[in-house]
Amino acid sequence: MTAPDVPAIPVRLARRPVIGGLVVPWITARTPDGRYRFGNVDYHRQLEALRDRLCQTCGGPLDPARIVFAMRDSDLRAFISHEPGMHPVCAAYSASGCPMLAGRISHYRATPLAAQLADLGV
């Protein structure tokens, strides 16, 4: 990403790790050696966020009156989201910073997780 493509980090996200100028979402998976895997979700954090109504981006509690969901058309038609909600500020940041949500890429990496882990020697 070039400098104009990297959005300013909101105060709410200031304590999250940053890689390449972008905040690492709270539900992002990590490899056994500690590296974050953008586009991969930590299953346990995803469940915790859904169960406890936590923001998938910052990990903080959500206000039930103000939750934003990033949904595909197919999810919207089925009235279901497989991803936790976000605070409005976190959603706005994600919509501009995340290459998928911002429309800069059309799909996640095609390499299966097992092959990615094998490349890391896991």
PDB file of N, CA and C in Angstrom:
ATOM      1  N   MET A   1       0.826  -1.175   0.000  1.00  0.00           N
ATOM      2  CA  MET A   1       0.000   0.000   0.000  1.00  0.00           C
ATOM      3  C   MET A   1       0.872   1.241   0.000  1.00  0.00           C
ATOM      4  N   THR A   2       0.436   2.221  -0.686  1.00  0.00           N
ATOM      5  CA  THR A   2       1.145   3.487  -0.666  1.00  0.00           C
ATOM      6  C   THR A   2       0.623   4.321   0.481  1.00  0.00           C
ATOM      7  N   ALA A   3       1.363   5.351   0.857  1.00  0.00           N
ATOM      8  CA  ALA A   3       0.989   6.180   2.003  1.00  0.00           C
ATOM      9  C   ALA A   3      -0.448   6.696   1.926  1.00  0.00           C
ATOM     10  N   PRO A   4      -0.950   7.173   0.759  1.00  0.00           N
ATOM     11  CA  PRO A   4      -2.328   7.653   0.739  1.00  0.00           C
ATOM     12  C   PRO A   4      -3.361   6.552   0.981  1.00  0.00           C
ATOM     13  N   ASP A   5      -2.992   5.270   0.744  1.00  0.00           N
ATOM     14  CA  ASP A   5      -3.920   4.165   0.945  1.00  0.00           C
ATOM     15  C   ASP A   5      -3.993   3.703   2.397  1.00  0.00           C
ATOM     16  N   VAL A   6      -3.064   4.144   3.221  1.00  0.00           N
ATOM     17  CA  VAL A   6      -3.033   3.721   4.615  1.00  0.00           C
ATOM     18  C   VAL A   6      -3.823   4.738   5.439  1.00  0.00           C
ATOM     19  N   PRO A   7      -4.975   4.307   5.980  1.00  0.00           N
ATOM     20  CA  PRO A   7      -5.788   5.249   6.753  1.00  0.00           C
ATOM     21  C   PRO A   7      -5.160   5.557   8.109  1.00  0.00           C
ATOM     22  N   ALA A   8      -5.524   6.713   8.654  1.00  0.00           N
ATOM     23  CA  ALA A   8      -5.075   7.068   9.998  1.00  0.00           C
ATOM     24  C   ALA A   8      -5.676   6.074  10.990  1.00  0.00           C
ATOM     25  N   ILE A   9      -4.919   5.740  12.010  1.00  0.00           N
ATOM     26  CA  ILE A   9      -5.380   4.780  13.010  1.00  0.00           C
ATOM     27  C   ILE A   9      -6.195   5.510  14.073  1.00  0.00           C
ATOM     28  N   PRO A  10      -7.454   5.103  14.256  1.00  0.00           N
ATOM     29  CA  PRO A  10      -8.292   5.741  15.283  1.00  0.00           C
ATOM     30  C   PRO A  10      -7.752   5.490  16.688  1.00  0.00           C
ATOM     31  N   VAL A  11      -8.047   6.382  17.613  1.00  0.00           N
ATOM     32  CA  VAL A  11      -7.599   6.257  18.999  1.00  0.00           C
ATOM     33  C   VAL A  11      -8.028   4.912  19.579  1.00  0.00           C
ATOM     34  N   ARG A  12      -9.237   4.463  19.261  1.00  0.00           N
ATOM     35  CA  ARG A  12      -9.754   3.189  19.781  1.00  0.00           C
ATOM     36  C   ARG A  12      -8.822   2.025  19.423  1.00  0.00           C
ATOM     37  N   LEU A  13      -8.082   2.130  18.330  1.00  0.00           N
ATOM     38  CA  LEU A  13      -7.226   1.038  17.857  1.00  0.00           C
ATOM     39  C   LEU A  13      -5.741   1.279  18.124  1.00  0.00           C
ATOM     40  N   ALA A  14      -5.418   2.339  18.836  1.00  0.00           N
ATOM     41  CA  ALA A  14      -4.020   2.729  19.035  1.00  0.00           C
ATOM     42  C   ALA A  14      -3.176   1.669  19.739  1.00  0.00           C
ATOM     43  N   ARG A  15      -3.789   0.808  20.542  1.00  0.00           N
ATOM     44  CA  ARG A  15      -3.025  -0.207  21.285  1.00  0.00           C
ATOM     45  C   ARG A  15      -2.892  -1.533  20.539  1.00  0.00           C
ATOM     46  N   ARG A  16      -3.542  -1.663  19.380  1.00  0.00           N
ATOM     47  CA  ARG A  16      -3.448  -2.894  18.591  1.00  0.00           C
ATOM     48  C   ARG A  16      -2.104  -2.930  17.863  1.00  0.00           C
ATOM     49  N   PRO A  17      -1.576  -4.118  17.589  1.00  0.00           N
ATOM     50  CA  PRO A  17      -0.347  -4.223  16.793  1.00  0.00           C
ATOM     51  C   PRO A  17      -0.583  -3.661  15.383  1.00  0.00           C
ATOM     52  N   VAL A  18       0.476  -3.145  14.794  1.00  0.00           N
ATOM     53  CA  VAL A  18       0.412  -2.573  13.446  1.00  0.00           C
ATOM     54  C   VAL A  18       1.458  -3.258  12.572  1.00  0.00           C
ATOM     55  N   ILE A  19       1.048  -3.660  11.378  1.00  0.00           N
ATOM     56  CA  ILE A  19       1.966  -4.260  10.408  1.00  0.00           C
ATOM     57  C   ILE A  19       1.752  -3.551   9.079  1.00  0.00           C
ATOM     58  N   GLY A  20       2.826  -3.056   8.487  1.00  0.00           N
ATOM     59  CA  GLY A  20       2.723  -2.360   7.211  1.00  0.00           C
ATOM     60  C   GLY A  20       1.819  -1.140   7.283  1.00  0.00           C
ATOM     61  N   GLY A  21       1.734  -0.522   8.453  1.00  0.00           N
ATOM     62  CA  GLY A  21       0.899   0.660   8.628  1.00  0.00           C
ATOM     63  C   GLY A  21      -0.556   0.356   8.938  1.00  0.00           C
ATOM     64  N   LEU A  22      -0.934  -0.933   8.944  1.00  0.00           N
ATOM     65  CA  LEU A  22      -2.324  -1.322   9.204  1.00  0.00           C
ATOM     66  C   LEU A  22      -2.464  -2.019  10.551  1.00  0.00           C
ATOM     67  N   VAL A  23      -3.552  -1.711  11.236  1.00  0.00           N
ATOM     68  CA  VAL A  23      -3.855  -2.360  12.510  1.00  0.00           C
ATOM     69  C   VAL A  23      -4.176  -3.832  12.264  1.00  0.00           C
ATOM     70  N   VAL A  24      -3.671  -4.693  13.126  1.00  0.00           N
ATOM     71  CA  VAL A  24      -3.989  -6.117  13.059  1.00  0.00           C
ATOM     72  C   VAL A  24      -5.294  -6.329  13.837  1.00  0.00           C
ATOM     73  N   PRO A  25      -6.358  -6.781  13.176  1.00  0.00           N
ATOM     74  CA  PRO A  25      -7.618  -7.016  13.886  1.00  0.00           C
ATOM     75  C   PRO A  25      -7.460  -8.034  15.011  1.00  0.00           C
ATOM     76  N   TRP A  26      -8.237  -7.856  16.056  1.00  0.00           N
ATOM     77  CA  TRP A  26      -8.179  -8.714  17.242  1.00  0.00           C
ATOM     78  C   TRP A  26      -8.412 -10.183  16.906  1.00  0.00           C
ATOM     79  N   ILE A  27      -9.244 -10.493  15.919  1.00  0.00           N
ATOM     80  CA  ILE A  27      -9.531 -11.898  15.604  1.00  0.00           C
ATOM     81  C   ILE A  27      -8.562 -12.506  14.589  1.00  0.00           C
ATOM     82  N   THR A  28      -7.528 -11.780  14.195  1.00  0.00           N
ATOM     83  CA  THR A  28      -6.567 -12.305  13.223  1.00  0.00           C
ATOM     84  C   THR A  28      -5.762 -13.451  13.825  1.00  0.00           C
ATOM     85  N   ALA A  29      -5.640 -14.528  13.073  1.00  0.00           N
ATOM     86  CA  ALA A  29      -4.892 -15.710  13.515  1.00  0.00           C
ATOM     87  C   ALA A  29      -3.387 -15.431  13.513  1.00  0.00           C
ATOM     88  N   ARG A  30      -2.686 -16.205  14.334  1.00  0.00           N
ATOM     89  CA  ARG A  30      -1.224 -16.118  14.397  1.00  0.00           C
ATOM     90  C   ARG A  30      -0.642 -17.495  14.125  1.00  0.00           C
ATOM     91  N   THR A  31       0.534 -17.493  13.539  1.00  0.00           N
ATOM     92  CA  THR A  31       1.258 -18.741  13.315  1.00  0.00           C
ATOM     93  C   THR A  31       1.908 -19.157  14.638  1.00  0.00           C
ATOM     94  N   PRO A  32       2.369 -20.398  14.748  1.00  0.00           N
ATOM     95  CA  PRO A  32       3.013 -20.839  15.995  1.00  0.00           C
ATOM     96  C   PRO A  32       4.221 -19.984  16.388  1.00  0.00           C
ATOM     97  N   ASP A  33       4.879 -19.355  15.399  1.00  0.00           N
ATOM     98  CA  ASP A  33       6.024 -18.510  15.746  1.00  0.00           C
ATOM     99  C   ASP A  33       5.618 -17.064  16.030  1.00  0.00           C
ATOM    100  N   GLY A  34       4.304 -16.791  16.097  1.00  0.00           N
ATOM    101  CA  GLY A  34       3.824 -15.481  16.519  1.00  0.00           C
ATOM    102  C   GLY A  34       3.482 -14.490  15.426  1.00  0.00           C
ATOM    103  N   ARG A  35       3.690 -14.867  14.160  1.00  0.00           N
ATOM    104  CA  ARG A  35       3.368 -13.931  13.074  1.00  0.00           C
ATOM    105  C   ARG A  35       1.871 -13.905  12.818  1.00  0.00           C
ATOM    106  N   TYR A  36       1.367 -12.715  12.541  1.00  0.00           N
ATOM    107  CA  TYR A  36      -0.056 -12.562  12.228  1.00  0.00           C
ATOM    108  C   TYR A  36      -0.319 -12.970  10.786  1.00  0.00           C
ATOM    109  N   ARG A  37      -1.493 -13.553  10.543  1.00  0.00           N
ATOM    110  CA  ARG A  37      -1.899 -14.020   9.215  1.00  0.00           C
ATOM    111  C   ARG A  37      -3.147 -13.259   8.779  1.00  0.00           C
ATOM    112  N   PHE A  38      -2.938 -12.096   8.175  1.00  0.00           N
ATOM    113  CA  PHE A  38      -4.069 -11.323   7.675  1.00  0.00           C
ATOM    114  C   PHE A  38      -4.935 -12.212   6.781  1.00  0.00           C
ATOM    115  N   GLY A  39      -6.248 -12.123   6.947  1.00  0.00           N
ATOM    116  CA  GLY A  39      -7.166 -12.931   6.146  1.00  0.00           C
ATOM    117  C   GLY A  39      -7.508 -14.261   6.788  1.00  0.00           C
ATOM    118  N   ASN A  40      -6.798 -14.635   7.847  1.00  0.00           N
ATOM    119  CA  ASN A  40      -7.105 -15.860   8.585  1.00  0.00           C
ATOM    120  C   ASN A  40      -7.643 -15.476   9.958  1.00  0.00           C
ATOM    121  N   VAL A  41      -8.670 -16.180  10.398  1.00  0.00           N
ATOM    122  CA  VAL A  41      -9.331 -15.849  11.655  1.00  0.00           C
ATOM    123  C   VAL A  41      -8.973 -16.863  12.733  1.00  0.00           C
ATOM    124  N   ASP A  42      -8.680 -16.362  13.925  1.00  0.00           N
ATOM    125  CA  ASP A  42      -8.452 -17.209  15.091  1.00  0.00           C
ATOM    126  C   ASP A  42      -9.826 -17.715  15.527  1.00  0.00           C
ATOM    127  N   TYR A  43     -10.054 -19.004  15.379  1.00  0.00           N
ATOM    128  CA  TYR A  43     -11.356 -19.615  15.654  1.00  0.00           C
ATOM    129  C   TYR A  43     -11.848 -19.326  17.071  1.00  0.00           C
ATOM    130  N   HIS A  44     -10.962 -19.438  18.056  1.00  0.00           N
ATOM    131  CA  HIS A  44     -11.358 -19.238  19.444  1.00  0.00           C
ATOM    132  C   HIS A  44     -11.733 -17.778  19.716  1.00  0.00           C
ATOM    133  N   ARG A  45     -10.982 -16.853  19.139  1.00  0.00           N
ATOM    134  CA  ARG A  45     -11.338 -15.441  19.315  1.00  0.00           C
ATOM    135  C   ARG A  45     -12.634 -15.105  18.581  1.00  0.00           C
ATOM    136  N   GLN A  46     -12.827 -15.716  17.419  1.00  0.00           N
ATOM    137  CA  GLN A  46     -14.071 -15.496  16.685  1.00  0.00           C
ATOM    138  C   GLN A  46     -15.265 -15.933  17.542  1.00  0.00           C
ATOM    139  N   LEU A  47     -15.182 -17.128  18.113  1.00  0.00           N
ATOM    140  CA  LEU A  47     -16.260 -17.618  18.973  1.00  0.00           C
ATOM    141  C   LEU A  47     -16.451 -16.730  20.198  1.00  0.00           C
ATOM    142  N   GLU A  48     -15.352 -16.311  20.807  1.00  0.00           N
ATOM    143  CA  GLU A  48     -15.429 -15.440  21.977  1.00  0.00           C
ATOM    144  C   GLU A  48     -16.112 -14.114  21.615  1.00  0.00           C
ATOM    145  N   ALA A  49     -15.746 -13.556  20.466  1.00  0.00           N
ATOM    146  CA  ALA A  49     -16.344 -12.292  20.034  1.00  0.00           C
ATOM    147  C   ALA A  49     -17.838 -12.447  19.767  1.00  0.00           C
ATOM    148  N   LEU A  50     -18.218 -13.540  19.112  1.00  0.00           N
ATOM    149  CA  LEU A  50     -19.644 -13.774  18.846  1.00  0.00           C
ATOM    150  C   LEU A  50     -20.410 -14.018  20.144  1.00  0.00           C
ATOM    151  N   ARG A  51     -19.863 -14.824  21.023  1.00  0.00           N
ATOM    152  CA  ARG A  51     -20.532 -15.169  22.283  1.00  0.00           C
ATOM    153  C   ARG A  51     -20.643 -13.972  23.229  1.00  0.00           C
ATOM    154  N   ASP A  52     -19.537 -13.204  23.340  1.00  0.00           N
ATOM    155  CA  ASP A  52     -19.475 -12.122  24.324  1.00  0.00           C
ATOM    156  C   ASP A  52     -19.732 -10.734  23.729  1.00  0.00           C
ATOM    157  N   ARG A  53     -20.111 -10.702  22.452  1.00  0.00           N
ATOM    158  CA  ARG A  53     -20.395  -9.438  21.753  1.00  0.00           C
ATOM    159  C   ARG A  53     -19.211  -8.470  21.832  1.00  0.00           C
ATOM    160  N   LEU A  54     -18.074  -8.967  21.323  1.00  0.00           N
ATOM    161  CA  LEU A  54     -16.848  -8.171  21.271  1.00  0.00           C
ATOM    162  C   LEU A  54     -16.591  -7.746  19.833  1.00  0.00           C
ATOM    163  N   CYS A  55     -15.953  -6.614  19.661  1.00  0.00           N
ATOM    164  CA  CYS A  55     -15.592  -6.114  18.337  1.00  0.00           C
ATOM    165  C   CYS A  55     -14.480  -6.975  17.746  1.00  0.00           C
ATOM    166  N   GLN A  56     -14.655  -7.402  16.503  1.00  0.00           N
ATOM    167  CA  GLN A  56     -13.632  -8.231  15.875  1.00  0.00           C
ATOM    168  C   GLN A  56     -12.349  -7.456  15.577  1.00  0.00           C
ATOM    169  N   THR A  57     -12.414  -6.142  15.544  1.00  0.00           N
ATOM    170  CA  THR A  57     -11.235  -5.349  15.199  1.00  0.00           C
ATOM    171  C   THR A  57     -10.418  -4.953  16.429  1.00  0.00           C
ATOM    172  N   CYS A  58     -11.089  -4.425  17.467  1.00  0.00           N
ATOM    173  CA  CYS A  58     -10.349  -3.987  18.660  1.00  0.00           C
ATOM    174  C   CYS A  58     -10.458  -4.951  19.827  1.00  0.00           C
ATOM    175  N   GLY A  59     -11.479  -5.828  19.832  1.00  0.00           N
ATOM    176  CA  GLY A  59     -11.668  -6.778  20.915  1.00  0.00           C
ATOM    177  C   GLY A  59     -12.456  -6.231  22.087  1.00  0.00           C
ATOM    178  N   GLY A  60     -12.887  -4.961  22.009  1.00  0.00           N
ATOM    179  CA  GLY A  60     -13.646  -4.352  23.096  1.00  0.00           C
ATOM    180  C   GLY A  60     -15.125  -4.701  23.031  1.00  0.00           C
ATOM    181  N   PRO A  61     -15.850  -4.517  24.147  1.00  0.00           N
ATOM    182  CA  PRO A  61     -17.284  -4.809  24.183  1.00  0.00           C
ATOM    183  C   PRO A  61     -18.055  -3.890  23.234  1.00  0.00           C
ATOM    184  N   LEU A  62     -19.065  -4.471  22.592  1.00  0.00           N
ATOM    185  CA  LEU A  62     -19.901  -3.708  21.661  1.00  0.00           C
ATOM    186  C   LEU A  62     -21.112  -3.122  22.372  1.00  0.00           C
ATOM    187  N   ASP A  63     -21.554  -1.967  21.897  1.00  0.00           N
ATOM    188  CA  ASP A  63     -22.799  -1.353  22.343  1.00  0.00           C
ATOM    189  C   ASP A  63     -23.905  -2.001  21.510  1.00  0.00           C
ATOM    190  N   PRO A  64     -24.843  -2.710  22.125  1.00  0.00           N
ATOM    191  CA  PRO A  64     -25.873  -3.418  21.353  1.00  0.00           C
ATOM    192  C   PRO A  64     -26.668  -2.514  20.405  1.00  0.00           C
ATOM    193  N   ALA A  65     -26.690  -1.231  20.683  1.00  0.00           N
ATOM    194  CA  ALA A  65     -27.452  -0.308  19.828  1.00  0.00           C
ATOM    195  C   ALA A  65     -26.655   0.171  18.616  1.00  0.00           C
ATOM    196  N   ARG A  66     -25.338  -0.113  18.590  1.00  0.00           N
ATOM    197  CA  ARG A  66     -24.498   0.406  17.503  1.00  0.00           C
ATOM    198  C   ARG A  66     -23.463  -0.635  17.078  1.00  0.00           C
ATOM    199  N   ILE A  67     -23.889  -1.619  16.322  1.00  0.00           N
ATOM    200  CA  ILE A  67     -22.993  -2.670  15.824  1.00  0.00           C
ATOM    201  C   ILE A  67     -23.022  -2.642  14.302  1.00  0.00           C
ATOM    202  N   VAL A  68     -21.842  -2.700  13.692  1.00  0.00           N
ATOM    203  CA  VAL A  68     -21.725  -2.730  12.236  1.00  0.00           C
ATOM    204  C   VAL A  68     -21.209  -4.107  11.828  1.00  0.00           C
ATOM    205  N   PHE A  69     -21.831  -4.682  10.807  1.00  0.00           N
ATOM    206  CA  PHE A  69     -21.392  -5.964  10.278  1.00  0.00           C
ATOM    207  C   PHE A  69     -20.900  -5.785   8.847  1.00  0.00           C
ATOM    208  N   ALA A  70     -19.803  -6.448   8.503  1.00  0.00           N
ATOM    209  CA  ALA A  70     -19.331  -6.509   7.118  1.00  0.00           C
ATOM    210  C   ALA A  70     -19.839  -7.837   6.571  1.00  0.00           C
ATOM    211  N   MET A  71     -20.783  -7.755   5.630  1.00  0.00           N
ATOM    212  CA  MET A  71     -21.430  -8.969   5.144  1.00  0.00           C
ATOM    213  C   MET A  71     -21.386  -9.050   3.629  1.00  0.00           C
ATOM    214  N   ARG A  72     -21.277 -10.277   3.145  1.00  0.00           N
ATOM    215  CA  ARG A  72     -21.381 -10.513   1.710  1.00  0.00           C
ATOM    216  C   ARG A  72     -22.858 -10.474   1.328  1.00  0.00           C
ATOM    217  N   ASP A  73     -23.129 -10.291   0.048  1.00  0.00           N
ATOM    218  CA  ASP A  73     -24.521 -10.283  -0.414  1.00  0.00           C
ATOM    219  C   ASP A  73     -25.241 -11.568  -0.027  1.00  0.00           C
ATOM    220  N   SER A  74     -24.539 -12.702  -0.148  1.00  0.00           N
ATOM    221  CA  SER A  74     -25.173 -13.989   0.183  1.00  0.00           C
ATOM    222  C   SER A  74     -25.500 -14.080   1.670  1.00  0.00           C
ATOM    223  N   ASP A  75     -24.645 -13.508   2.529  1.00  0.00           N
ATOM    224  CA  ASP A  75     -24.924 -13.491   3.968  1.00  0.00           C
ATOM    225  C   ASP A  75     -26.122 -12.595   4.273  1.00  0.00           C
ATOM    226  N   LEU A  76     -26.172 -11.467   3.608  1.00  0.00           N
ATOM    227  CA  LEU A  76     -27.263 -10.523   3.827  1.00  0.00           C
ATOM    228  C   LEU A  76     -28.604 -11.138   3.433  1.00  0.00           C
ATOM    229  N   ARG A  77     -28.621 -11.846   2.300  1.00  0.00           N
ATOM    230  CA  ARG A  77     -29.857 -12.508   1.866  1.00  0.00           C
ATOM    231  C   ARG A  77     -30.307 -13.567   2.872  1.00  0.00           C
ATOM    232  N   ALA A  78     -29.352 -14.228   3.523  1.00  0.00           N
ATOM    233  CA  ALA A  78     -29.677 -15.273   4.500  1.00  0.00           C
ATOM    234  C   ALA A  78     -29.847 -14.708   5.918  1.00  0.00           C
ATOM    235  N   PHE A  79     -29.621 -13.407   6.086  1.00  0.00           N
ATOM    236  CA  PHE A  79     -29.715 -12.755   7.403  1.00  0.00           C
ATOM    237  C   PHE A  79     -28.796 -13.404   8.431  1.00  0.00           C
ATOM    238  N   ILE A  80     -27.538 -13.664   8.013  1.00  0.00           N
ATOM    239  CA  ILE A  80     -26.574 -14.289   8.916  1.00  0.00           C
ATOM    240  C   ILE A  80     -25.185 -13.711   8.645  1.00  0.00           C
ATOM    241  N   SER A  81     -24.409 -13.585   9.691  1.00  0.00           N
ATOM    242  CA  SER A  81     -23.025 -13.160   9.547  1.00  0.00           C
ATOM    243  C   SER A  81     -22.146 -14.170  10.270  1.00  0.00           C
ATOM    244  N   HIS A  82     -21.099 -14.610   9.605  1.00  0.00           N
ATOM    245  CA  HIS A  82     -20.166 -15.555  10.219  1.00  0.00           C
ATOM    246  C   HIS A  82     -19.043 -14.808  10.934  1.00  0.00           C
ATOM    247  N   GLU A  83     -19.021 -13.494  10.753  1.00  0.00           N
ATOM    248  CA  GLU A  83     -18.002 -12.687  11.404  1.00  0.00           C
ATOM    249  C   GLU A  83     -18.642 -11.828  12.484  1.00  0.00           C
ATOM    250  N   PRO A  84     -17.906 -11.590  13.572  1.00  0.00           N
ATOM    251  CA  PRO A  84     -18.425 -10.730  14.638  1.00  0.00           C
ATOM    252  C   PRO A  84     -18.630  -9.302  14.146  1.00  0.00           C
ATOM    253  N   GLY A  85     -19.410  -8.559  14.898  1.00  0.00           N
ATOM    254  CA  GLY A  85     -19.648  -7.158  14.579  1.00  0.00           C
ATOM    255  C   GLY A  85     -18.460  -6.284  14.943  1.00  0.00           C
ATOM    256  N   MET A  86     -18.624  -4.989  14.656  1.00  0.00           N
ATOM    257  CA  MET A  86     -17.577  -4.007  14.944  1.00  0.00           C
ATOM    258  C   MET A  86     -18.206  -2.726  15.462  1.00  0.00           C
ATOM    259  N   HIS A  87     -17.414  -1.949  16.182  1.00  0.00           N
ATOM    260  CA  HIS A  87     -17.815  -0.585  16.521  1.00  0.00           C
ATOM    261  C   HIS A  87     -17.878   0.214  15.215  1.00  0.00           C
ATOM    262  N   PRO A  88     -18.699   1.232  15.131  1.00  0.00           N
ATOM    263  CA  PRO A  88     -18.736   2.052  13.909  1.00  0.00           C
ATOM    264  C   PRO A  88     -17.356   2.598  13.515  1.00  0.00           C
ATOM    265  N   VAL A  89     -16.568   3.051  14.487  1.00  0.00           N
ATOM    266  CA  VAL A  89     -15.231   3.588  14.194  1.00  0.00           C
ATOM    267  C   VAL A  89     -14.315   2.490  13.652  1.00  0.00           C
ATOM    268  N   CYS A  90     -14.381   1.311  14.266  1.00  0.00           N
ATOM    269  CA  CYS A  90     -13.552   0.188  13.811  1.00  0.00           C
ATOM    270  C   CYS A  90     -13.976  -0.262  12.415  1.00  0.00           C
ATOM    271  N   ALA A  91     -15.287  -0.246  12.152  1.00  0.00           N
ATOM    272  CA  ALA A  91     -15.795  -0.634  10.832  1.00  0.00           C
ATOM    273  C   ALA A  91     -15.355   0.359   9.763  1.00  0.00           C
ATOM    274  N   ALA A  92     -15.401   1.634  10.081  1.00  0.00           N
ATOM    275  CA  ALA A  92     -14.976   2.653   9.107  1.00  0.00           C
ATOM    276  C   ALA A  92     -13.485   2.490   8.802  1.00  0.00           C
ATOM    277  N   TYR A  93     -12.687   2.250   9.836  1.00  0.00           N
ATOM    278  CA  TYR A  93     -11.258   2.031   9.618  1.00  0.00           C
ATOM    279  C   TYR A  93     -11.039   0.779   8.769  1.00  0.00           C
ATOM    280  N   SER A  94     -11.718  -0.305   9.109  1.00  0.00           N
ATOM    281  CA  SER A  94     -11.574  -1.566   8.369  1.00  0.00           C
ATOM    282  C   SER A  94     -11.995  -1.417   6.917  1.00  0.00           C
ATOM    283  N   ALA A  95     -13.077  -0.681   6.688  1.00  0.00           N
ATOM    284  CA  ALA A  95     -13.580  -0.495   5.323  1.00  0.00           C
ATOM    285  C   ALA A  95     -12.582   0.246   4.445  1.00  0.00           C
ATOM    286  N   SER A  96     -11.773   1.094   5.040  1.00  0.00           N
ATOM    287  CA  SER A  96     -10.788   1.815   4.230  1.00  0.00           C
ATOM    288  C   SER A  96      -9.428   1.137   4.227  1.00  0.00           C
ATOM    289  N   GLY A  97      -9.087   0.422   5.306  1.00  0.00           N
ATOM    290  CA  GLY A  97      -7.764  -0.192   5.401  1.00  0.00           C
ATOM    291  C   GLY A  97      -7.673  -1.610   4.880  1.00  0.00           C
ATOM    292  N   CYS A  98      -8.711  -2.407   5.089  1.00  0.00           N
ATOM    293  CA  CYS A  98      -8.687  -3.815   4.668  1.00  0.00           C
ATOM    294  C   CYS A  98      -8.790  -3.907   3.148  1.00  0.00           C
ATOM    295  N   PRO A  99      -7.830  -4.536   2.492  1.00  0.00           N
ATOM    296  CA  PRO A  99      -7.883  -4.633   1.025  1.00  0.00           C
ATOM    297  C   PRO A  99      -9.143  -5.316   0.497  1.00  0.00           C
ATOM    298  N   MET A 100      -9.667  -6.302   1.247  1.00  0.00           N
ATOM    299  CA  MET A 100     -10.898  -6.979   0.802  1.00  0.00           C
ATOM    300  C   MET A 100     -12.089  -6.029   0.902  1.00  0.00           C
ATOM    301  N   LEU A 101     -12.262  -5.424   2.071  1.00  0.00           N
ATOM    302  CA  LEU A 101     -13.411  -4.538   2.272  1.00  0.00           C
ATOM    303  C   LEU A 101     -13.333  -3.291   1.393  1.00  0.00           C
ATOM    304  N   ALA A 102     -12.135  -2.808   1.159  1.00  0.00           N
ATOM    305  CA  ALA A 102     -11.958  -1.605   0.335  1.00  0.00           C
ATOM    306  C   ALA A 102     -12.035  -1.910  -1.159  1.00  0.00           C
ATOM    307  N   GLY A 103     -12.082  -3.211  -1.517  1.00  0.00           N
ATOM    308  CA  GLY A 103     -12.204  -3.585  -2.920  1.00  0.00           C
ATOM    309  C   GLY A 103     -10.902  -3.562  -3.703  1.00  0.00           C
ATOM    310  N   ARG A 104      -9.750  -3.542  -2.993  1.00  0.00           N
ATOM    311  CA  ARG A 104      -8.461  -3.532  -3.695  1.00  0.00           C
ATOM    312  C   ARG A 104      -8.031  -4.927  -4.125  1.00  0.00           C
ATOM    313  N   ILE A 105      -8.609  -5.973  -3.487  1.00  0.00           N
ATOM    314  CA  ILE A 105      -8.380  -7.350  -3.923  1.00  0.00           C
ATOM    315  C   ILE A 105      -9.740  -8.053  -3.952  1.00  0.00           C
ATOM    316  N   SER A 106      -9.846  -9.080  -4.783  1.00  0.00           N
ATOM    317  CA  SER A 106     -11.145  -9.730  -4.944  1.00  0.00           C
ATOM    318  C   SER A 106     -11.285 -11.035  -4.162  1.00  0.00           C
ATOM    319  N   HIS A 107     -10.150 -11.581  -3.652  1.00  0.00           N
ATOM    320  CA  HIS A 107     -10.219 -12.830  -2.905  1.00  0.00           C
ATOM    321  C   HIS A 107      -8.995 -12.955  -2.009  1.00  0.00           C
ATOM    322  N   TYR A 108      -9.146 -13.780  -0.979  1.00  0.00           N
ATOM    323  CA  TYR A 108      -8.018 -14.061  -0.101  1.00  0.00           C
ATOM    324  C   TYR A 108      -7.044 -14.977  -0.808  1.00  0.00           C
ATOM    325  N   ARG A 109      -5.883 -15.164  -0.201  1.00  0.00           N
ATOM    326  CA  ARG A 109      -4.863 -16.027  -0.817  1.00  0.00           C
ATOM    327  C   ARG A 109      -5.453 -17.396  -1.127  1.00  0.00           C
ATOM    328  N   ALA A 110      -4.999 -17.963  -2.212  1.00  0.00           N
ATOM    329  CA  ALA A 110      -5.542 -19.237  -2.676  1.00  0.00           C
ATOM    330  C   ALA A 110      -4.840 -20.430  -2.028  1.00  0.00           C
ATOM    331  N   THR A 111      -3.698 -20.212  -1.404  1.00  0.00           N
ATOM    332  CA  THR A 111      -2.949 -21.302  -0.800  1.00  0.00           C
ATOM    333  C   THR A 111      -3.666 -21.815   0.440  1.00  0.00           C
ATOM    334  N   PRO A 112      -3.964 -23.114   0.519  1.00  0.00           N
ATOM    335  CA  PRO A 112      -4.620 -23.662   1.711  1.00  0.00           C
ATOM    336  C   PRO A 112      -3.763 -23.449   2.961  1.00  0.00           C
ATOM    337  N   LEU A 113      -4.419 -23.354   4.115  1.00  0.00           N
ATOM    338  CA  LEU A 113      -3.707 -23.118   5.367  1.00  0.00           C
ATOM    339  C   LEU A 113      -2.634 -24.169   5.613  1.00  0.00           C
ATOM    340  N   ALA A 114      -2.904 -25.440   5.326  1.00  0.00           N
ATOM    341  CA  ALA A 114      -1.919 -26.496   5.553  1.00  0.00           C
ATOM    342  C   ALA A 114      -0.644 -26.225   4.748  1.00  0.00           C
ATOM    343  N   ALA A 115      -0.796 -25.767   3.518  1.00  0.00           N
ATOM    344  CA  ALA A 115       0.381 -25.467   2.686  1.00  0.00           C
ATOM    345  C   ALA A 115       1.122 -24.246   3.229  1.00  0.00           C
ATOM    346  N   GLN A 116       0.384 -23.253   3.720  1.00  0.00           N
ATOM    347  CA  GLN A 116       1.024 -22.084   4.311  1.00  0.00           C
ATOM    348  C   GLN A 116       1.844 -22.487   5.530  1.00  0.00           C
ATOM    349  N   LEU A 117       1.278 -23.354   6.369  1.00  0.00           N
ATOM    350  CA  LEU A 117       2.002 -23.814   7.564  1.00  0.00           C
ATOM    351  C   LEU A 117       3.203 -24.668   7.183  1.00  0.00           C
ATOM    352  N   ALA A 118       3.062 -25.482   6.144  1.00  0.00           N
ATOM    353  CA  ALA A 118       4.180 -26.303   5.685  1.00  0.00           C
ATOM    354  C   ALA A 118       5.337 -25.411   5.211  1.00  0.00           C
ATOM    355  N   ASP A 119       4.998 -24.306   4.532  1.00  0.00           N
ATOM    356  CA  ASP A 119       6.028 -23.365   4.086  1.00  0.00           C
ATOM    357  C   ASP A 119       6.787 -22.766   5.271  1.00  0.00           C
ATOM    358  N   LEU A 120       6.101 -22.692   6.414  1.00  0.00           N
ATOM    359  CA  LEU A 120       6.733 -22.149   7.629  1.00  0.00           C
ATOM    360  C   LEU A 120       7.460 -23.223   8.430  1.00  0.00           C
ATOM    361  N   GLY A 121       7.398 -24.476   7.948  1.00  0.00           N
ATOM    362  CA  GLY A 121       8.051 -25.571   8.651  1.00  0.00           C
ATOM    363  C   GLY A 121       7.237 -26.104   9.827  1.00  0.00           C
ATOM    364  N   VAL A 122       5.927 -25.884   9.792  1.00  0.00           N
ATOM    365  CA  VAL A 122       5.061 -26.332  10.883  1.00  0.00           C
ATOM    366  C   VAL A 122       4.349 -27.596  10.478  1.00  0.00           C
TER     367      VAL A 122
END
